[in-house]
Amino acid sequence: MTLPGYPKYISELGFPDWVTKIDAAVYVPTTRKTLFFVGSRYWSYDDSKGEMDNGYPKMIFYEFPGIGTKVDAAFENYGFLYFSSGPRQSEYNYTTRKVVRVLLNYGWLNCY
């Protein structure tokens, strides 16, 4: 069953037409914003306003020091953001803008 009006084009969220796929997205509860990662850039979507924040996209490398240039997957857990890129995963403190530790992606699956 689909809801009326769905699916929608991602351009309806405020992305430029050249964005055809999103690499990763994560909701940040403390800011009530959703971060969308595409290639080496990211956007911030204000969920309460239902619109993209001004001044985006921004470069991942500069805005999230230590996590690299690309994000393949992201999630939030116990106040930390986790960014995956290849086999590496960064546990990130969004408030201090610092990597807390670097993990291996397959560690969550208990296989080594």
PDB file of N, CA and C in Angstrom:
ATOM      1  N   MET A   1       0.834  -1.175   0.000  1.00  0.00           N
ATOM      2  CA  MET A   1       0.000   0.000   0.000  1.00  0.00           C
ATOM      3  C   MET A   1       0.888   1.250   0.000  1.00  0.00           C
ATOM      4  N   THR A   2       0.597   2.180  -0.868  1.00  0.00           N
ATOM      5  CA  THR A   2       1.327   3.438  -0.898  1.00  0.00           C
ATOM      6  C   THR A   2       0.409   4.584  -0.482  1.00  0.00           C
ATOM      7  N   LEU A   3       1.013   5.577   0.091  1.00  0.00           N
ATOM      8  CA  LEU A   3       0.258   6.759   0.493  1.00  0.00           C
ATOM      9  C   LEU A   3       0.027   7.654  -0.709  1.00  0.00           C
ATOM     10  N   PRO A   4      -1.096   8.352  -0.736  1.00  0.00           N
ATOM     11  CA  PRO A   4      -1.353   9.267  -1.848  1.00  0.00           C
ATOM     12  C   PRO A   4      -0.241  10.317  -1.957  1.00  0.00           C
ATOM     13  N   GLY A   5       0.202  10.569  -3.166  1.00  0.00           N
ATOM     14  CA  GLY A   5       1.249  11.559  -3.402  1.00  0.00           C
ATOM     15  C   GLY A   5       2.669  11.034  -3.262  1.00  0.00           C
ATOM     16  N   TYR A   6       2.804   9.736  -2.983  1.00  0.00           N
ATOM     17  CA  TYR A   6       4.126   9.132  -2.816  1.00  0.00           C
ATOM     18  C   TYR A   6       4.313   8.038  -3.841  1.00  0.00           C
ATOM     19  N   PRO A   7       5.507   7.750  -4.260  1.00  0.00           N
ATOM     20  CA  PRO A   7       6.761   8.386  -3.876  1.00  0.00           C
ATOM     21  C   PRO A   7       6.879   9.788  -4.466  1.00  0.00           C
ATOM     22  N   LYS A   8       7.770  10.581  -3.888  1.00  0.00           N
ATOM     23  CA  LYS A   8       8.021  11.934  -4.364  1.00  0.00           C
ATOM     24  C   LYS A   8       9.453  12.020  -4.889  1.00  0.00           C
ATOM     25  N   TYR A   9       9.669  12.962  -5.765  1.00  0.00           N
ATOM     26  CA  TYR A   9      11.019  13.226  -6.247  1.00  0.00           C
ATOM     27  C   TYR A   9      11.806  13.913  -5.133  1.00  0.00           C
ATOM     28  N   ILE A  10      13.092  13.570  -5.006  1.00  0.00           N
ATOM     29  CA  ILE A  10      13.884  14.181  -3.943  1.00  0.00           C
ATOM     30  C   ILE A  10      14.079  15.678  -4.180  1.00  0.00           C
ATOM     31  N   SER A  11      13.897  16.124  -5.398  1.00  0.00           N
ATOM     32  CA  SER A  11      13.996  17.565  -5.665  1.00  0.00           C
ATOM     33  C   SER A  11      12.899  18.337  -4.919  1.00  0.00           C
ATOM     34  N   GLU A  12      11.810  17.655  -4.560  1.00  0.00           N
ATOM     35  CA  GLU A  12      10.730  18.309  -3.805  1.00  0.00           C
ATOM     36  C   GLU A  12      11.155  18.652  -2.377  1.00  0.00           C
ATOM     37  N   LEU A  13      12.240  18.032  -1.900  1.00  0.00           N
ATOM     38  CA  LEU A  13      12.771  18.365  -0.578  1.00  0.00           C
ATOM     39  C   LEU A  13      13.692  19.582  -0.631  1.00  0.00           C
ATOM     40  N   GLY A  14      14.075  19.999  -1.824  1.00  0.00           N
ATOM     41  CA  GLY A  14      14.950  21.150  -1.968  1.00  0.00           C
ATOM     42  C   GLY A  14      16.308  20.834  -2.549  1.00  0.00           C
ATOM     43  N   PHE A  15      16.497  19.604  -3.011  1.00  0.00           N
ATOM     44  CA  PHE A  15      17.755  19.243  -3.660  1.00  0.00           C
ATOM     45  C   PHE A  15      17.755  19.781  -5.087  1.00  0.00           C
ATOM     46  N   PRO A  16      18.949  20.115  -5.610  1.00  0.00           N
ATOM     47  CA  PRO A  16      19.018  20.502  -7.018  1.00  0.00           C
ATOM     48  C   PRO A  16      18.686  19.300  -7.906  1.00  0.00           C
ATOM     49  N   ASP A  17      18.293  19.567  -9.122  1.00  0.00           N
ATOM     50  CA  ASP A  17      17.886  18.501 -10.046  1.00  0.00           C
ATOM     51  C   ASP A  17      18.984  17.486 -10.329  1.00  0.00           C
ATOM     52  N   TRP A  18      20.257  17.895 -10.213  1.00  0.00           N
ATOM     53  CA  TRP A  18      21.347  16.960 -10.512  1.00  0.00           C
ATOM     54  C   TRP A  18      21.509  15.878  -9.445  1.00  0.00           C
ATOM     55  N   VAL A  19      20.914  16.057  -8.274  1.00  0.00           N
ATOM     56  CA  VAL A  19      20.981  15.025  -7.240  1.00  0.00           C
ATOM     57  C   VAL A  19      19.916  13.979  -7.549  1.00  0.00           C
ATOM     58  N   THR A  20      20.364  12.776  -7.891  1.00  0.00           N
ATOM     59  CA  THR A  20      19.435  11.710  -8.252  1.00  0.00           C
ATOM     60  C   THR A  20      19.402  10.580  -7.231  1.00  0.00           C
ATOM     61  N   LYS A  21      20.394  10.571  -6.320  1.00  0.00           N
ATOM     62  CA  LYS A  21      20.400   9.564  -5.258  1.00  0.00           C
ATOM     63  C   LYS A  21      21.128  10.117  -4.057  1.00  0.00           C
ATOM     64  N   ILE A  22      20.722   9.646  -2.897  1.00  0.00           N
ATOM     65  CA  ILE A  22      21.317  10.064  -1.637  1.00  0.00           C
ATOM     66  C   ILE A  22      22.133   8.890  -1.104  1.00  0.00           C
ATOM     67  N   ASP A  23      23.370   9.156  -0.705  1.00  0.00           N
ATOM     68  CA  ASP A  23      24.245   8.101  -0.199  1.00  0.00           C
ATOM     69  C   ASP A  23      23.879   7.689   1.222  1.00  0.00           C
ATOM     70  N   ALA A  24      23.506   8.666   2.054  1.00  0.00           N
ATOM     71  CA  ALA A  24      23.181   8.382   3.453  1.00  0.00           C
ATOM     72  C   ALA A  24      22.349   9.527   4.014  1.00  0.00           C
ATOM     73  N   ALA A  25      21.585   9.219   5.036  1.00  0.00           N
ATOM     74  CA  ALA A  25      20.802  10.236   5.734  1.00  0.00           C
ATOM     75  C   ALA A  25      20.738   9.858   7.202  1.00  0.00           C
ATOM     76  N   VAL A  26      20.747  10.878   8.070  1.00  0.00           N
ATOM     77  CA  VAL A  26      20.650  10.627   9.503  1.00  0.00           C
ATOM     78  C   VAL A  26      19.893  11.776  10.153  1.00  0.00           C
ATOM     79  N   TYR A  27      19.009  11.442  11.072  1.00  0.00           N
ATOM     80  CA  TYR A  27      18.270  12.436  11.841  1.00  0.00           C
ATOM     81  C   TYR A  27      19.060  12.744  13.108  1.00  0.00           C
ATOM     82  N   VAL A  28      19.228  14.040  13.404  1.00  0.00           N
ATOM     83  CA  VAL A  28      19.944  14.485  14.603  1.00  0.00           C
ATOM     84  C   VAL A  28      18.901  15.003  15.596  1.00  0.00           C
ATOM     85  N   PRO A  29      18.569  14.213  16.622  1.00  0.00           N
ATOM     86  CA  PRO A  29      17.498  14.599  17.545  1.00  0.00           C
ATOM     87  C   PRO A  29      17.716  15.936  18.251  1.00  0.00           C
ATOM     88  N   THR A  30      18.959  16.264  18.598  1.00  0.00           N
ATOM     89  CA  THR A  30      19.207  17.505  19.338  1.00  0.00           C
ATOM     90  C   THR A  30      18.924  18.757  18.515  1.00  0.00           C
ATOM     91  N   THR A  31      19.048  18.660  17.192  1.00  0.00           N
ATOM     92  CA  THR A  31      18.800  19.817  16.325  1.00  0.00           C
ATOM     93  C   THR A  31      17.477  19.702  15.574  1.00  0.00           C
ATOM     94  N   ARG A  32      16.893  18.520  15.604  1.00  0.00           N
ATOM     95  CA  ARG A  32      15.676  18.212  14.835  1.00  0.00           C
ATOM     96  C   ARG A  32      15.880  18.474  13.342  1.00  0.00           C
ATOM     97  N   LYS A  33      17.060  18.064  12.877  1.00  0.00           N
ATOM     98  CA  LYS A  33      17.404  18.203  11.466  1.00  0.00           C
ATOM     99  C   LYS A  33      17.822  16.851  10.921  1.00  0.00           C
ATOM    100  N   THR A  34      17.607  16.669   9.633  1.00  0.00           N
ATOM    101  CA  THR A  34      18.064  15.470   8.943  1.00  0.00           C
ATOM    102  C   THR A  34      19.203  15.881   8.023  1.00  0.00           C
ATOM    103  N   LEU A  35      20.310  15.173   8.134  1.00  0.00           N
ATOM    104  CA  LEU A  35      21.470  15.433   7.290  1.00  0.00           C
ATOM    105  C   LEU A  35      21.471  14.429   6.149  1.00  0.00           C
ATOM    106  N   PHE A  36      21.615  14.928   4.934  1.00  0.00           N
ATOM    107  CA  PHE A  36      21.649  14.097   3.738  1.00  0.00           C
ATOM    108  C   PHE A  36      23.030  14.193   3.108  1.00  0.00           C
ATOM    109  N   PHE A  37      23.635  13.061   2.798  1.00  0.00           N
ATOM    110  CA  PHE A  37      24.985  13.003   2.248  1.00  0.00           C
ATOM    111  C   PHE A  37      24.929  12.519   0.800  1.00  0.00           C
ATOM    112  N   VAL A  38      25.567  13.302  -0.067  1.00  0.00           N
ATOM    113  CA  VAL A  38      25.616  12.998  -1.498  1.00  0.00           C
ATOM    114  C   VAL A  38      27.038  13.271  -1.975  1.00  0.00           C
ATOM    115  N   GLY A  39      27.752  12.216  -2.358  1.00  0.00           N
ATOM    116  CA  GLY A  39      29.132  12.403  -2.788  1.00  0.00           C
ATOM    117  C   GLY A  39      29.964  13.014  -1.669  1.00  0.00           C
ATOM    118  N   SER A  40      30.631  14.115  -1.952  1.00  0.00           N
ATOM    119  CA  SER A  40      31.492  14.768  -0.957  1.00  0.00           C
ATOM    120  C   SER A  40      30.794  15.929  -0.244  1.00  0.00           C
ATOM    121  N   ARG A  41      29.480  16.047  -0.450  1.00  0.00           N
ATOM    122  CA  ARG A  41      28.716  17.155   0.139  1.00  0.00           C
ATOM    123  C   ARG A  41      27.587  16.656   1.021  1.00  0.00           C
ATOM    124  N   TYR A  42      27.052  17.588   1.819  1.00  0.00           N
ATOM    125  CA  TYR A  42      25.874  17.242   2.608  1.00  0.00           C
ATOM    126  C   TYR A  42      24.936  18.430   2.709  1.00  0.00           C
ATOM    127  N   TRP A  43      23.675  18.118   2.955  1.00  0.00           N
ATOM    128  CA  TRP A  43      22.617  19.102   3.134  1.00  0.00           C
ATOM    129  C   TRP A  43      22.008  18.920   4.514  1.00  0.00           C
ATOM    130  N   SER A  44      21.416  20.002   5.034  1.00  0.00           N
ATOM    131  CA  SER A  44      20.708  19.963   6.308  1.00  0.00           C
ATOM    132  C   SER A  44      19.251  20.333   6.047  1.00  0.00           C
ATOM    133  N   TYR A  45      18.354  19.415   6.430  1.00  0.00           N
ATOM    134  CA  TYR A  45      16.921  19.606   6.225  1.00  0.00           C
ATOM    135  C   TYR A  45      16.268  19.867   7.575  1.00  0.00           C
ATOM    136  N   ASP A  46      15.558  20.978   7.680  1.00  0.00           N
ATOM    137  CA  ASP A  46      14.866  21.345   8.914  1.00  0.00           C
ATOM    138  C   ASP A  46      13.514  20.642   8.935  1.00  0.00           C
ATOM    139  N   ASP A  47      13.411  19.606   9.753  1.00  0.00           N
ATOM    140  CA  ASP A  47      12.182  18.811   9.786  1.00  0.00           C
ATOM    141  C   ASP A  47      10.991  19.602  10.328  1.00  0.00           C
ATOM    142  N   SER A  48      11.228  20.527  11.251  1.00  0.00           N
ATOM    143  CA  SER A  48      10.106  21.286  11.812  1.00  0.00           C
ATOM    144  C   SER A  48       9.547  22.296  10.810  1.00  0.00           C
ATOM    145  N   LYS A  49      10.399  22.848   9.950  1.00  0.00           N
ATOM    146  CA  LYS A  49       9.951  23.795   8.924  1.00  0.00           C
ATOM    147  C   LYS A  49       9.561  23.103   7.621  1.00  0.00           C
ATOM    148  N   GLY A  50      10.064  21.879   7.443  1.00  0.00           N
ATOM    149  CA  GLY A  50       9.790  21.159   6.205  1.00  0.00           C
ATOM    150  C   GLY A  50      10.535  21.734   5.011  1.00  0.00           C
ATOM    151  N   GLU A  51      11.750  22.234   5.267  1.00  0.00           N
ATOM    152  CA  GLU A  51      12.532  22.806   4.171  1.00  0.00           C
ATOM    153  C   GLU A  51      14.024  22.653   4.427  1.00  0.00           C
ATOM    154  N   MET A  52      14.780  22.773   3.341  1.00  0.00           N
ATOM    155  CA  MET A  52      16.222  22.686   3.403  1.00  0.00           C
ATOM    156  C   MET A  52      16.757  23.967   4.038  1.00  0.00           C
ATOM    157  N   ASP A  53      17.798  23.835   4.870  1.00  0.00           N
ATOM    158  CA  ASP A  53      18.433  25.012   5.463  1.00  0.00           C
ATOM    159  C   ASP A  53      19.208  25.783   4.399  1.00  0.00           C
ATOM    160  N   ASN A  54      19.306  27.082   4.575  1.00  0.00           N
ATOM    161  CA  ASN A  54      20.066  27.936   3.659  1.00  0.00           C
ATOM    162  C   ASN A  54      21.559  27.658   3.795  1.00  0.00           C
ATOM    163  N   GLY A  55      22.285  27.901   2.716  1.00  0.00           N
ATOM    164  CA  GLY A  55      23.743  27.782   2.746  1.00  0.00           C
ATOM    165  C   GLY A  55      24.274  26.400   2.440  1.00  0.00           C
ATOM    166  N   TYR A  56      23.435  25.503   1.973  1.00  0.00           N
ATOM    167  CA  TYR A  56      23.851  24.142   1.667  1.00  0.00           C
ATOM    168  C   TYR A  56      23.767  23.913   0.182  1.00  0.00           C
ATOM    169  N   PRO A  57      24.604  23.018  -0.341  1.00  0.00           N
ATOM    170  CA  PRO A  57      25.384  21.996   0.342  1.00  0.00           C
ATOM    171  C   PRO A  57      26.702  22.544   0.883  1.00  0.00           C
ATOM    172  N   LYS A  58      27.266  21.793   1.828  1.00  0.00           N
ATOM    173  CA  LYS A  58      28.576  22.072   2.391  1.00  0.00           C
ATOM    174  C   LYS A  58      29.438  20.827   2.205  1.00  0.00           C
ATOM    175  N   MET A  59      30.731  21.029   2.288  1.00  0.00           N
ATOM    176  CA  MET A  59      31.670  19.927   2.094  1.00  0.00           C
ATOM    177  C   MET A  59      31.786  19.095   3.369  1.00  0.00           C
ATOM    178  N   ILE A  60      31.669  17.789   3.250  1.00  0.00           N
ATOM    179  CA  ILE A  60      31.765  16.876   4.389  1.00  0.00           C
ATOM    180  C   ILE A  60      33.124  17.023   5.071  1.00  0.00           C
ATOM    181  N   PHE A  61      34.176  17.068   4.286  1.00  0.00           N
ATOM    182  CA  PHE A  61      35.540  17.104   4.804  1.00  0.00           C
ATOM    183  C   PHE A  61      35.767  18.266   5.770  1.00  0.00           C
ATOM    184  N   TYR A  62      35.190  19.437   5.451  1.00  0.00           N
ATOM    185  CA  TYR A  62      35.399  20.620   6.284  1.00  0.00           C
ATOM    186  C   TYR A  62      34.446  20.688   7.470  1.00  0.00           C
ATOM    187  N   GLU A  63      33.240  20.235   7.301  1.00  0.00           N
ATOM    188  CA  GLU A  63      32.221  20.367   8.344  1.00  0.00           C
ATOM    189  C   GLU A  63      32.232  19.226   9.361  1.00  0.00           C
ATOM    190  N   PHE A  64      32.784  18.086   8.974  1.00  0.00           N
ATOM    191  CA  PHE A  64      32.869  16.918   9.856  1.00  0.00           C
ATOM    192  C   PHE A  64      34.318  16.438   9.892  1.00  0.00           C
ATOM    193  N   PRO A  65      35.198  17.189  10.555  1.00  0.00           N
ATOM    194  CA  PRO A  65      36.611  16.816  10.548  1.00  0.00           C
ATOM    195  C   PRO A  65      36.839  15.404  11.077  1.00  0.00           C
ATOM    196  N   GLY A  66      37.654  14.669  10.331  1.00  0.00           N
ATOM    197  CA  GLY A  66      38.040  13.336  10.770  1.00  0.00           C
ATOM    198  C   GLY A  66      37.251  12.191  10.194  1.00  0.00           C
ATOM    199  N   ILE A  67      36.117  12.469   9.519  1.00  0.00           N
ATOM    200  CA  ILE A  67      35.338  11.334   9.000  1.00  0.00           C
ATOM    201  C   ILE A  67      35.612  11.046   7.533  1.00  0.00           C
ATOM    202  N   GLY A  68      36.403  11.875   6.878  1.00  0.00           N
ATOM    203  CA  GLY A  68      36.723  11.639   5.480  1.00  0.00           C
ATOM    204  C   GLY A  68      35.925  12.514   4.538  1.00  0.00           C
ATOM    205  N   THR A  69      35.841  12.083   3.288  1.00  0.00           N
ATOM    206  CA  THR A  69      35.202  12.905   2.257  1.00  0.00           C
ATOM    207  C   THR A  69      33.880  12.346   1.752  1.00  0.00           C
ATOM    208  N   LYS A  70      33.527  11.131   2.163  1.00  0.00           N
ATOM    209  CA  LYS A  70      32.309  10.489   1.667  1.00  0.00           C
ATOM    210  C   LYS A  70      31.678   9.669   2.781  1.00  0.00           C
ATOM    211  N   VAL A  71      30.360   9.635   2.788  1.00  0.00           N
ATOM    212  CA  VAL A  71      29.623   8.849   3.773  1.00  0.00           C
ATOM    213  C   VAL A  71      28.748   7.850   3.025  1.00  0.00           C
ATOM    214  N   ASP A  72      28.944   6.557   3.325  1.00  0.00           N
ATOM    215  CA  ASP A  72      28.148   5.497   2.692  1.00  0.00           C
ATOM    216  C   ASP A  72      26.874   5.194   3.479  1.00  0.00           C
ATOM    217  N   ALA A  73      26.944   5.358   4.800  1.00  0.00           N
ATOM    218  CA  ALA A  73      25.802   5.077   5.672  1.00  0.00           C
ATOM    219  C   ALA A  73      25.973   5.889   6.953  1.00  0.00           C
ATOM    220  N   ALA A  74      24.849   6.174   7.609  1.00  0.00           N
ATOM    221  CA  ALA A  74      24.908   6.952   8.847  1.00  0.00           C
ATOM    222  C   ALA A  74      23.736   6.579   9.739  1.00  0.00           C
ATOM    223  N   PHE A  75      23.964   6.649  11.054  1.00  0.00           N
ATOM    224  CA  PHE A  75      22.871   6.475  12.005  1.00  0.00           C
ATOM    225  C   PHE A  75      23.233   7.152  13.316  1.00  0.00           C
ATOM    226  N   GLU A  76      22.232   7.341  14.158  1.00  0.00           N
ATOM    227  CA  GLU A  76      22.406   7.957  15.472  1.00  0.00           C
ATOM    228  C   GLU A  76      22.141   6.894  16.523  1.00  0.00           C
ATOM    229  N   ASN A  77      22.966   6.888  17.599  1.00  0.00           N
ATOM    230  CA  ASN A  77      22.785   5.929  18.679  1.00  0.00           C
ATOM    231  C   ASN A  77      23.329   6.547  19.967  1.00  0.00           C
ATOM    232  N   TYR A  78      22.478   6.639  20.983  1.00  0.00           N
ATOM    233  CA  TYR A  78      22.872   7.189  22.283  1.00  0.00           C
ATOM    234  C   TYR A  78      23.558   8.544  22.179  1.00  0.00           C
ATOM    235  N   GLY A  79      23.068   9.391  21.295  1.00  0.00           N
ATOM    236  CA  GLY A  79      23.595  10.743  21.175  1.00  0.00           C
ATOM    237  C   GLY A  79      24.798  10.899  20.273  1.00  0.00           C
ATOM    238  N   PHE A  80      25.335   9.814  19.762  1.00  0.00           N
ATOM    239  CA  PHE A  80      26.467   9.880  18.840  1.00  0.00           C
ATOM    240  C   PHE A  80      25.985   9.603  17.426  1.00  0.00           C
ATOM    241  N   LEU A  81      26.678  10.194  16.459  1.00  0.00           N
ATOM    242  CA  LEU A  81      26.426   9.892  15.062  1.00  0.00           C
ATOM    243  C   LEU A  81      27.496   8.919  14.608  1.00  0.00           C
ATOM    244  N   TYR A  82      27.103   7.963  13.800  1.00  0.00           N
ATOM    245  CA  TYR A  82      28.039   6.980  13.256  1.00  0.00           C
ATOM    246  C   TYR A  82      28.042   7.123  11.745  1.00  0.00           C
ATOM    247  N   PHE A  83      29.233   7.367  11.187  1.00  0.00           N
ATOM    248  CA  PHE A  83      29.399   7.547   9.762  1.00  0.00           C
ATOM    249  C   PHE A  83      30.260   6.423   9.216  1.00  0.00           C
ATOM    250  N   SER A  84      29.763   5.737   8.202  1.00  0.00           N
ATOM    251  CA  SER A  84      30.507   4.653   7.574  1.00  0.00           C
ATOM    252  C   SER A  84      31.011   5.085   6.212  1.00  0.00           C
ATOM    253  N   SER A  85      32.228   4.659   5.931  1.00  0.00           N
ATOM    254  CA  SER A  85      32.820   4.848   4.623  1.00  0.00           C
ATOM    255  C   SER A  85      33.717   3.648   4.374  1.00  0.00           C
ATOM    256  N   GLY A  86      33.290   2.781   3.486  1.00  0.00           N
ATOM    257  CA  GLY A  86      34.028   1.546   3.256  1.00  0.00           C
ATOM    258  C   GLY A  86      34.038   0.717   4.528  1.00  0.00           C
ATOM    259  N   PRO A  87      35.193   0.160   4.902  1.00  0.00           N
ATOM    260  CA  PRO A  87      35.252  -0.694   6.094  1.00  0.00           C
ATOM    261  C   PRO A  87      35.342   0.097   7.407  1.00  0.00           C
ATOM    262  N   ARG A  88      35.481   1.401   7.307  1.00  0.00           N
ATOM    263  CA  ARG A  88      35.712   2.246   8.480  1.00  0.00           C
ATOM    264  C   ARG A  88      34.426   2.938   8.939  1.00  0.00           C
ATOM    265  N   GLN A  89      34.265   3.019  10.236  1.00  0.00           N
ATOM    266  CA  GLN A  89      33.126   3.717  10.806  1.00  0.00           C
ATOM    267  C   GLN A  89      33.628   4.675  11.885  1.00  0.00           C
ATOM    268  N   SER A  90      33.167   5.909  11.832  1.00  0.00           N
ATOM    269  CA  SER A  90      33.564   6.917  12.814  1.00  0.00           C
ATOM    270  C   SER A  90      32.419   7.190  13.775  1.00  0.00           C
ATOM    271  N   GLU A  91      32.715   7.090  15.063  1.00  0.00           N
ATOM    272  CA  GLU A  91      31.757   7.501  16.095  1.00  0.00           C
ATOM    273  C   GLU A  91      32.015   8.987  16.312  1.00  0.00           C
ATOM    274  N   TYR A  92      31.001   9.803  16.127  1.00  0.00           N
ATOM    275  CA  TYR A  92      31.181  11.249  16.053  1.00  0.00           C
ATOM    276  C   TYR A  92      30.314  11.963  17.066  1.00  0.00           C
ATOM    277  N   ASN A  93      30.921  12.916  17.795  1.00  0.00           N
ATOM    278  CA  ASN A  93      30.175  13.758  18.721  1.00  0.00           C
ATOM    279  C   ASN A  93      29.794  15.018  17.952  1.00  0.00           C
ATOM    280  N   TYR A  94      28.520  15.158  17.634  1.00  0.00           N
ATOM    281  CA  TYR A  94      28.057  16.267  16.802  1.00  0.00           C
ATOM    282  C   TYR A  94      28.172  17.602  17.530  1.00  0.00           C
ATOM    283  N   THR A  95      28.032  17.598  18.847  1.00  0.00           N
ATOM    284  CA  THR A  95      28.112  18.833  19.626  1.00  0.00           C
ATOM    285  C   THR A  95      29.522  19.412  19.606  1.00  0.00           C
ATOM    286  N   THR A  96      30.523  18.556  19.815  1.00  0.00           N
ATOM    287  CA  THR A  96      31.912  19.031  19.844  1.00  0.00           C
ATOM    288  C   THR A  96      32.573  18.974  18.472  1.00  0.00           C
ATOM    289  N   ARG A  97      31.899  18.354  17.511  1.00  0.00           N
ATOM    290  CA  ARG A  97      32.419  18.203  16.146  1.00  0.00           C
ATOM    291  C   ARG A  97      33.742  17.454  16.123  1.00  0.00           C
ATOM    292  N   LYS A  98      33.793  16.344  16.886  1.00  0.00           N
ATOM    293  CA  LYS A  98      35.017  15.549  16.944  1.00  0.00           C
ATOM    294  C   LYS A  98      34.714  14.068  16.829  1.00  0.00           C
ATOM    295  N   VAL A  99      35.639  13.349  16.201  1.00  0.00           N
ATOM    296  CA  VAL A  99      35.565  11.892  16.152  1.00  0.00           C
ATOM    297  C   VAL A  99      35.946  11.377  17.536  1.00  0.00           C
ATOM    298  N   VAL A 100      35.099  10.524  18.097  1.00  0.00           N
ATOM    299  CA  VAL A 100      35.355   9.939  19.402  1.00  0.00           C
ATOM    300  C   VAL A 100      36.241   8.710  19.252  1.00  0.00           C
ATOM    301  N   ARG A 101      35.904   7.882  18.280  1.00  0.00           N
ATOM    302  CA  ARG A 101      36.712   6.695  17.990  1.00  0.00           C
ATOM    303  C   ARG A 101      36.386   6.191  16.598  1.00  0.00           C
ATOM    304  N   VAL A 102      37.297   5.395  16.081  1.00  0.00           N
ATOM    305  CA  VAL A 102      37.118   4.790  14.762  1.00  0.00           C
ATOM    306  C   VAL A 102      36.941   3.297  14.962  1.00  0.00           C
ATOM    307  N   LEU A 103      35.919   2.762  14.318  1.00  0.00           N
ATOM    308  CA  LEU A 103      35.574   1.344  14.435  1.00  0.00           C
ATOM    309  C   LEU A 103      35.629   0.703  13.054  1.00  0.00           C
ATOM    310  N   LEU A 104      35.564  -0.616  13.044  1.00  0.00           N
ATOM    311  CA  LEU A 104      35.413  -1.332  11.782  1.00  0.00           C
ATOM    312  C   LEU A 104      33.936  -1.648  11.604  1.00  0.00           C
ATOM    313  N   ASN A 105      33.426  -1.446  10.416  1.00  0.00           N
ATOM    314  CA  ASN A 105      31.997  -1.650  10.155  1.00  0.00           C
ATOM    315  C   ASN A 105      31.504  -3.031  10.544  1.00  0.00           C
ATOM    316  N   TYR A 106      32.291  -4.053  10.300  1.00  0.00           N
ATOM    317  CA  TYR A 106      31.807  -5.399  10.565  1.00  0.00           C
ATOM    318  C   TYR A 106      31.817  -5.736  12.061  1.00  0.00           C
ATOM    319  N   GLY A 107      32.329  -4.867  12.903  1.00  0.00           N
ATOM    320  CA  GLY A 107      32.298  -5.090  14.355  1.00  0.00           C
ATOM    321  C   GLY A 107      30.897  -5.168  14.908  1.00  0.00           C
ATOM    322  N   TRP A 108      29.943  -4.457  14.299  1.00  0.00           N
ATOM    323  CA  TRP A 108      28.540  -4.499  14.743  1.00  0.00           C
ATOM    324  C   TRP A 108      27.933  -5.872  14.511  1.00  0.00           C
ATOM    325  N   LEU A 109      28.487  -6.610  13.574  1.00  0.00           N
ATOM    326  CA  LEU A 109      27.933  -7.910  13.226  1.00  0.00           C
ATOM    327  C   LEU A 109      28.585  -9.052  13.990  1.00  0.00           C
ATOM    328  N   ASN A 110      29.520  -8.725  14.886  1.00  0.00           N
ATOM    329  CA  ASN A 110      30.250  -9.706  15.667  1.00  0.00           C
ATOM    330  C   ASN A 110      31.001 -10.718  14.808  1.00  0.00           C
ATOM    331  N   CYS A 111      31.508 -10.276  13.675  1.00  0.00           N
ATOM    332  CA  CYS A 111      32.347 -11.156  12.854  1.00  0.00           C
ATOM    333  C   CYS A 111      33.680 -10.451  12.646  1.00  0.00           C
ATOM    334  N   TYR A 112      34.753 -11.187  12.787  1.00  0.00           N
ATOM    335  CA  TYR A 112      36.078 -10.576  12.733  1.00  0.00           C
ATOM    336  C   TYR A 112      37.003 -11.269  11.768  1.00  0.00           C
TER     337      TYR A 112
END
